[in-house]
């Protein structure tokens, strides 16, 4: 039975699965950032705490999936041309920047 890491590795193998991970992560990031910006208009302390927790969770999940999609995309890219190499480096750099600024 495959473990969690093998399942994550298989998620990003094909381009459609890679794009699915990326879109899910970006939507979760956007939803978390919108929720975080709504904190100023929420009135009660309980509402602020709940919305803040949900926003932090969504930003964390989104950052994880965007980073995972970028790392898997860079690792599974095929070819030895210089454009493929540049694309791999760009994806790895973007993944590191997401790790730095989101987490």
N, C-alpha and C. Protein backbone atom coordinates (compact mmCIF):
# COMPACT_ATOMS: atom_id res chain seq x y z
N UNK A 1 0.84 -1.18 0.00
CA UNK A 1 0.00 0.00 0.00
C UNK A 1 0.89 1.25 0.00
N UNK A 2 0.67 2.13 -0.96
CA UNK A 2 1.53 3.32 -1.03
C UNK A 2 1.28 4.27 0.14
N UNK A 3 2.35 4.87 0.59
CA UNK A 3 2.25 5.83 1.69
C UNK A 3 1.86 7.21 1.19
N UNK A 4 1.82 8.16 2.13
CA UNK A 4 1.41 9.52 1.81
C UNK A 4 2.37 10.19 0.82
N UNK A 5 3.67 9.95 1.00
CA UNK A 5 4.64 10.60 0.12
C UNK A 5 4.55 10.06 -1.30
N UNK A 6 4.28 8.74 -1.45
CA UNK A 6 4.13 8.19 -2.79
C UNK A 6 2.88 8.74 -3.47
N UNK A 7 1.82 8.94 -2.70
CA UNK A 7 0.60 9.51 -3.27
C UNK A 7 0.82 10.95 -3.73
N UNK A 8 1.56 11.73 -2.92
CA UNK A 8 1.87 13.10 -3.33
C UNK A 8 2.76 13.11 -4.56
N UNK A 9 3.72 12.19 -4.63
CA UNK A 9 4.61 12.13 -5.78
C UNK A 9 3.82 11.81 -7.05
N UNK A 10 2.85 10.89 -6.95
CA UNK A 10 2.06 10.51 -8.11
C UNK A 10 1.10 11.62 -8.54
N UNK A 11 0.76 12.53 -7.63
CA UNK A 11 -0.18 13.61 -7.97
C UNK A 11 0.35 14.52 -9.07
N UNK A 12 1.62 14.78 -9.08
CA UNK A 12 2.17 15.75 -10.01
C UNK A 12 2.85 15.17 -11.22
N UNK A 13 2.61 13.91 -11.52
CA UNK A 13 3.30 13.27 -12.63
C UNK A 13 2.85 13.78 -13.99
N UNK A 14 1.55 13.85 -14.23
CA UNK A 14 1.07 14.28 -15.53
C UNK A 14 0.81 15.79 -15.50
N UNK A 15 0.83 16.44 -16.67
CA UNK A 15 0.59 17.89 -16.69
C UNK A 15 -0.79 18.29 -16.16
N UNK A 16 -1.82 17.46 -16.38
CA UNK A 16 -3.14 17.84 -15.88
C UNK A 16 -3.18 17.76 -14.36
N UNK A 17 -2.54 16.76 -13.78
CA UNK A 17 -2.49 16.66 -12.33
C UNK A 17 -1.63 17.79 -11.74
N UNK A 18 -0.55 18.11 -12.43
CA UNK A 18 0.32 19.21 -12.00
C UNK A 18 -0.46 20.52 -11.99
N UNK A 19 -1.22 20.75 -13.04
CA UNK A 19 -2.03 21.96 -13.12
C UNK A 19 -3.14 21.96 -12.07
N UNK A 20 -3.69 20.79 -11.78
CA UNK A 20 -4.71 20.69 -10.74
C UNK A 20 -4.16 21.07 -9.38
N UNK A 21 -2.96 20.60 -9.06
CA UNK A 21 -2.33 20.98 -7.79
C UNK A 21 -2.08 22.48 -7.73
N UNK A 22 -1.60 23.03 -8.83
CA UNK A 22 -1.29 24.46 -8.87
C UNK A 22 -2.55 25.31 -8.73
N UNK A 23 -3.60 24.95 -9.44
CA UNK A 23 -4.86 25.71 -9.36
C UNK A 23 -5.47 25.60 -7.98
N UNK A 24 -5.48 24.39 -7.39
CA UNK A 24 -6.02 24.23 -6.04
C UNK A 24 -5.24 25.08 -5.05
N UNK A 25 -3.93 25.08 -5.15
CA UNK A 25 -3.11 25.88 -4.25
C UNK A 25 -3.33 27.37 -4.41
N UNK A 26 -3.44 27.82 -5.65
CA UNK A 26 -3.65 29.25 -5.89
C UNK A 26 -5.03 29.70 -5.41
N UNK A 27 -6.05 28.85 -5.61
CA UNK A 27 -7.40 29.20 -5.13
C UNK A 27 -7.42 29.25 -3.61
N UNK A 28 -6.77 28.29 -2.95
CA UNK A 28 -6.71 28.31 -1.49
C UNK A 28 -5.95 29.53 -0.99
N UNK A 29 -4.84 29.88 -1.64
CA UNK A 29 -4.10 31.09 -1.26
C UNK A 29 -4.95 32.34 -1.42
N UNK A 30 -5.64 32.45 -2.55
CA UNK A 30 -6.47 33.63 -2.79
C UNK A 30 -7.61 33.72 -1.79
N UNK A 31 -8.24 32.60 -1.49
CA UNK A 31 -9.33 32.59 -0.52
C UNK A 31 -8.82 32.97 0.87
N UNK A 32 -7.64 32.47 1.23
CA UNK A 32 -7.06 32.82 2.52
C UNK A 32 -6.70 34.29 2.61
N UNK A 33 -6.17 34.85 1.54
CA UNK A 33 -5.82 36.28 1.55
C UNK A 33 -7.06 37.16 1.58
N UNK A 34 -8.11 36.76 0.87
CA UNK A 34 -9.37 37.51 0.93
C UNK A 34 -9.97 37.43 2.32
N UNK A 35 -9.92 36.24 2.94
CA UNK A 35 -10.43 36.09 4.31
C UNK A 35 -9.64 36.94 5.29
N UNK A 36 -8.34 37.00 5.08
CA UNK A 36 -7.50 37.82 5.96
C UNK A 36 -7.83 39.31 5.80
N UNK A 37 -8.16 39.73 4.59
CA UNK A 37 -8.49 41.14 4.39
C UNK A 37 -9.88 41.48 4.94
N UNK A 38 -10.72 40.49 5.16
CA UNK A 38 -12.06 40.74 5.70
C UNK A 38 -12.06 40.89 7.22
N UNK A 39 -10.93 40.72 7.87
CA UNK A 39 -10.87 40.79 9.32
C UNK A 39 -11.29 42.16 9.85
N UNK A 40 -11.07 43.20 9.07
CA UNK A 40 -11.40 44.56 9.54
C UNK A 40 -12.91 44.79 9.62
N UNK A 41 -13.69 44.07 8.85
CA UNK A 41 -15.13 44.30 8.84
C UNK A 41 -15.91 43.34 9.71
N UNK A 42 -15.25 42.34 10.27
CA UNK A 42 -15.93 41.39 11.15
C UNK A 42 -16.05 42.04 12.52
N UNK A 43 -17.24 42.01 13.10
CA UNK A 43 -17.50 42.76 14.33
C UNK A 43 -17.08 42.08 15.61
N UNK A 44 -17.45 40.85 15.83
CA UNK A 44 -17.25 40.24 17.15
C UNK A 44 -15.86 39.61 17.27
N UNK A 45 -15.45 39.43 18.51
CA UNK A 45 -14.13 38.84 18.77
C UNK A 45 -14.10 37.38 18.33
N UNK A 46 -15.19 36.67 18.53
CA UNK A 46 -15.25 35.28 18.09
C UNK A 46 -15.19 35.15 16.59
N UNK A 47 -15.85 36.06 15.91
CA UNK A 47 -15.80 36.06 14.44
C UNK A 47 -14.41 36.35 13.91
N UNK A 48 -13.73 37.28 14.56
CA UNK A 48 -12.36 37.61 14.15
C UNK A 48 -11.45 36.41 14.37
N UNK A 49 -11.59 35.73 15.50
CA UNK A 49 -10.74 34.58 15.78
C UNK A 49 -11.00 33.45 14.79
N UNK A 50 -12.27 33.18 14.51
CA UNK A 50 -12.61 32.10 13.58
C UNK A 50 -12.13 32.41 12.17
N UNK A 51 -12.35 33.63 11.72
CA UNK A 51 -11.93 34.01 10.38
C UNK A 51 -10.41 34.05 10.26
N UNK A 52 -9.75 34.47 11.32
CA UNK A 52 -8.29 34.49 11.30
C UNK A 52 -7.73 33.07 11.23
N UNK A 53 -8.31 32.15 11.98
CA UNK A 53 -7.87 30.76 11.94
C UNK A 53 -8.11 30.14 10.56
N UNK A 54 -9.28 30.41 10.00
CA UNK A 54 -9.58 29.87 8.66
C UNK A 54 -8.64 30.46 7.61
N UNK A 55 -8.34 31.74 7.73
CA UNK A 55 -7.44 32.38 6.77
C UNK A 55 -6.03 31.80 6.88
N UNK A 56 -5.54 31.60 8.08
CA UNK A 56 -4.21 31.02 8.25
C UNK A 56 -4.15 29.60 7.72
N UNK A 57 -5.20 28.82 7.96
CA UNK A 57 -5.25 27.45 7.45
C UNK A 57 -5.25 27.44 5.93
N UNK A 58 -6.07 28.29 5.30
CA UNK A 58 -6.15 28.31 3.84
C UNK A 58 -4.84 28.79 3.21
N UNK A 59 -4.20 29.75 3.80
CA UNK A 59 -2.91 30.22 3.28
C UNK A 59 -1.86 29.12 3.41
N UNK A 60 -1.88 28.39 4.51
CA UNK A 60 -0.94 27.30 4.69
C UNK A 60 -1.15 26.17 3.70
N UNK A 61 -2.40 25.78 3.51
CA UNK A 61 -2.72 24.71 2.56
C UNK A 61 -2.39 25.16 1.14
N UNK A 62 -2.76 26.38 0.80
CA UNK A 62 -2.45 26.90 -0.53
C UNK A 62 -0.97 26.99 -0.80
N UNK A 63 -0.23 27.48 0.17
CA UNK A 63 1.23 27.56 0.02
C UNK A 63 1.86 26.20 -0.15
N UNK A 64 1.35 25.21 0.60
CA UNK A 64 1.88 23.86 0.48
C UNK A 64 1.66 23.30 -0.92
N UNK A 65 0.44 23.43 -1.44
CA UNK A 65 0.14 22.84 -2.74
C UNK A 65 0.81 23.59 -3.89
N UNK A 66 0.94 24.90 -3.78
CA UNK A 66 1.65 25.65 -4.83
C UNK A 66 3.13 25.25 -4.83
N UNK A 67 3.73 25.16 -3.65
CA UNK A 67 5.12 24.76 -3.56
C UNK A 67 5.32 23.33 -4.07
N UNK A 68 4.41 22.43 -3.68
CA UNK A 68 4.49 21.06 -4.16
C UNK A 68 4.38 20.98 -5.67
N UNK A 69 3.45 21.73 -6.25
CA UNK A 69 3.28 21.71 -7.70
C UNK A 69 4.52 22.25 -8.40
N UNK A 70 5.12 23.30 -7.87
CA UNK A 70 6.31 23.86 -8.50
C UNK A 70 7.51 22.92 -8.40
N UNK A 71 7.72 22.32 -7.22
CA UNK A 71 8.83 21.39 -7.08
C UNK A 71 8.64 20.16 -7.96
N UNK A 72 7.42 19.59 -7.97
CA UNK A 72 7.18 18.41 -8.80
C UNK A 72 7.29 18.75 -10.28
N UNK A 73 6.83 19.93 -10.67
CA UNK A 73 6.96 20.33 -12.06
C UNK A 73 8.40 20.50 -12.49
N UNK A 74 9.22 21.02 -11.59
CA UNK A 74 10.64 21.18 -11.92
C UNK A 74 11.35 19.83 -11.98
N UNK A 75 10.93 18.92 -11.12
CA UNK A 75 11.61 17.63 -11.08
C UNK A 75 11.19 16.72 -12.23
N UNK A 76 9.94 16.78 -12.65
CA UNK A 76 9.46 15.87 -13.68
C UNK A 76 9.59 16.44 -15.09
N UNK A 77 10.14 17.64 -15.24
CA UNK A 77 10.33 18.20 -16.58
C UNK A 77 11.32 17.35 -17.36
N UNK A 78 11.00 17.11 -18.61
CA UNK A 78 11.84 16.23 -19.44
C UNK A 78 12.57 17.04 -20.49
N UNK A 79 13.75 16.58 -20.84
CA UNK A 79 14.53 17.22 -21.89
C UNK A 79 15.80 17.82 -21.34
N UNK A 80 16.77 18.00 -22.23
CA UNK A 80 18.05 18.54 -21.84
C UNK A 80 18.37 19.86 -22.53
N UNK A 81 17.37 20.48 -23.13
CA UNK A 81 17.63 21.75 -23.81
C UNK A 81 17.80 22.86 -22.77
N UNK A 82 18.34 23.96 -23.20
CA UNK A 82 18.58 25.05 -22.27
C UNK A 82 17.28 25.70 -21.82
N UNK A 83 16.24 25.67 -22.67
CA UNK A 83 14.95 26.24 -22.25
C UNK A 83 14.32 25.40 -21.14
N UNK A 84 14.46 24.09 -21.23
CA UNK A 84 13.94 23.23 -20.16
C UNK A 84 14.70 23.47 -18.87
N UNK A 85 16.00 23.65 -18.97
CA UNK A 85 16.81 23.91 -17.79
C UNK A 85 16.43 25.25 -17.16
N UNK A 86 16.23 26.25 -17.97
CA UNK A 86 15.82 27.56 -17.46
C UNK A 86 14.44 27.47 -16.81
N UNK A 87 13.54 26.70 -17.42
CA UNK A 87 12.20 26.53 -16.86
C UNK A 87 12.26 25.81 -15.51
N UNK A 88 13.13 24.81 -15.40
CA UNK A 88 13.30 24.11 -14.12
C UNK A 88 13.82 25.05 -13.04
N UNK A 89 14.81 25.85 -13.39
CA UNK A 89 15.38 26.78 -12.42
C UNK A 89 14.34 27.82 -12.02
N UNK A 90 13.53 28.29 -12.96
CA UNK A 90 12.49 29.26 -12.64
C UNK A 90 11.45 28.67 -11.70
N UNK A 91 11.07 27.42 -11.93
CA UNK A 91 10.09 26.78 -11.04
C UNK A 91 10.67 26.58 -9.64
N UNK A 92 11.92 26.16 -9.56
CA UNK A 92 12.54 25.99 -8.25
C UNK A 92 12.68 27.32 -7.51
N UNK A 93 13.05 28.36 -8.24
CA UNK A 93 13.16 29.68 -7.62
C UNK A 93 11.80 30.18 -7.14
N UNK A 94 10.76 29.97 -7.95
CA UNK A 94 9.41 30.37 -7.54
C UNK A 94 8.96 29.59 -6.32
N UNK A 95 9.28 28.30 -6.25
CA UNK A 95 8.90 27.49 -5.10
C UNK A 95 9.60 27.98 -3.83
N UNK A 96 10.87 28.33 -3.95
CA UNK A 96 11.60 28.84 -2.79
C UNK A 96 11.03 30.19 -2.36
N UNK A 97 10.67 31.04 -3.30
CA UNK A 97 10.07 32.33 -2.95
C UNK A 97 8.71 32.15 -2.28
N UNK A 98 7.93 31.18 -2.72
CA UNK A 98 6.65 30.90 -2.05
C UNK A 98 6.92 30.43 -0.63
N UNK A 99 7.91 29.57 -0.45
CA UNK A 99 8.24 29.11 0.90
C UNK A 99 8.68 30.26 1.80
N UNK A 100 9.44 31.19 1.25
CA UNK A 100 9.94 32.31 2.05
C UNK A 100 8.82 33.27 2.41
N UNK A 101 8.00 33.65 1.44
CA UNK A 101 7.03 34.71 1.69
C UNK A 101 5.70 34.23 2.25
N UNK A 102 5.33 32.97 2.04
CA UNK A 102 4.08 32.48 2.58
C UNK A 102 4.27 31.92 3.98
N UNK A 103 5.36 31.19 4.17
CA UNK A 103 5.57 30.58 5.47
C UNK A 103 6.55 31.40 6.24
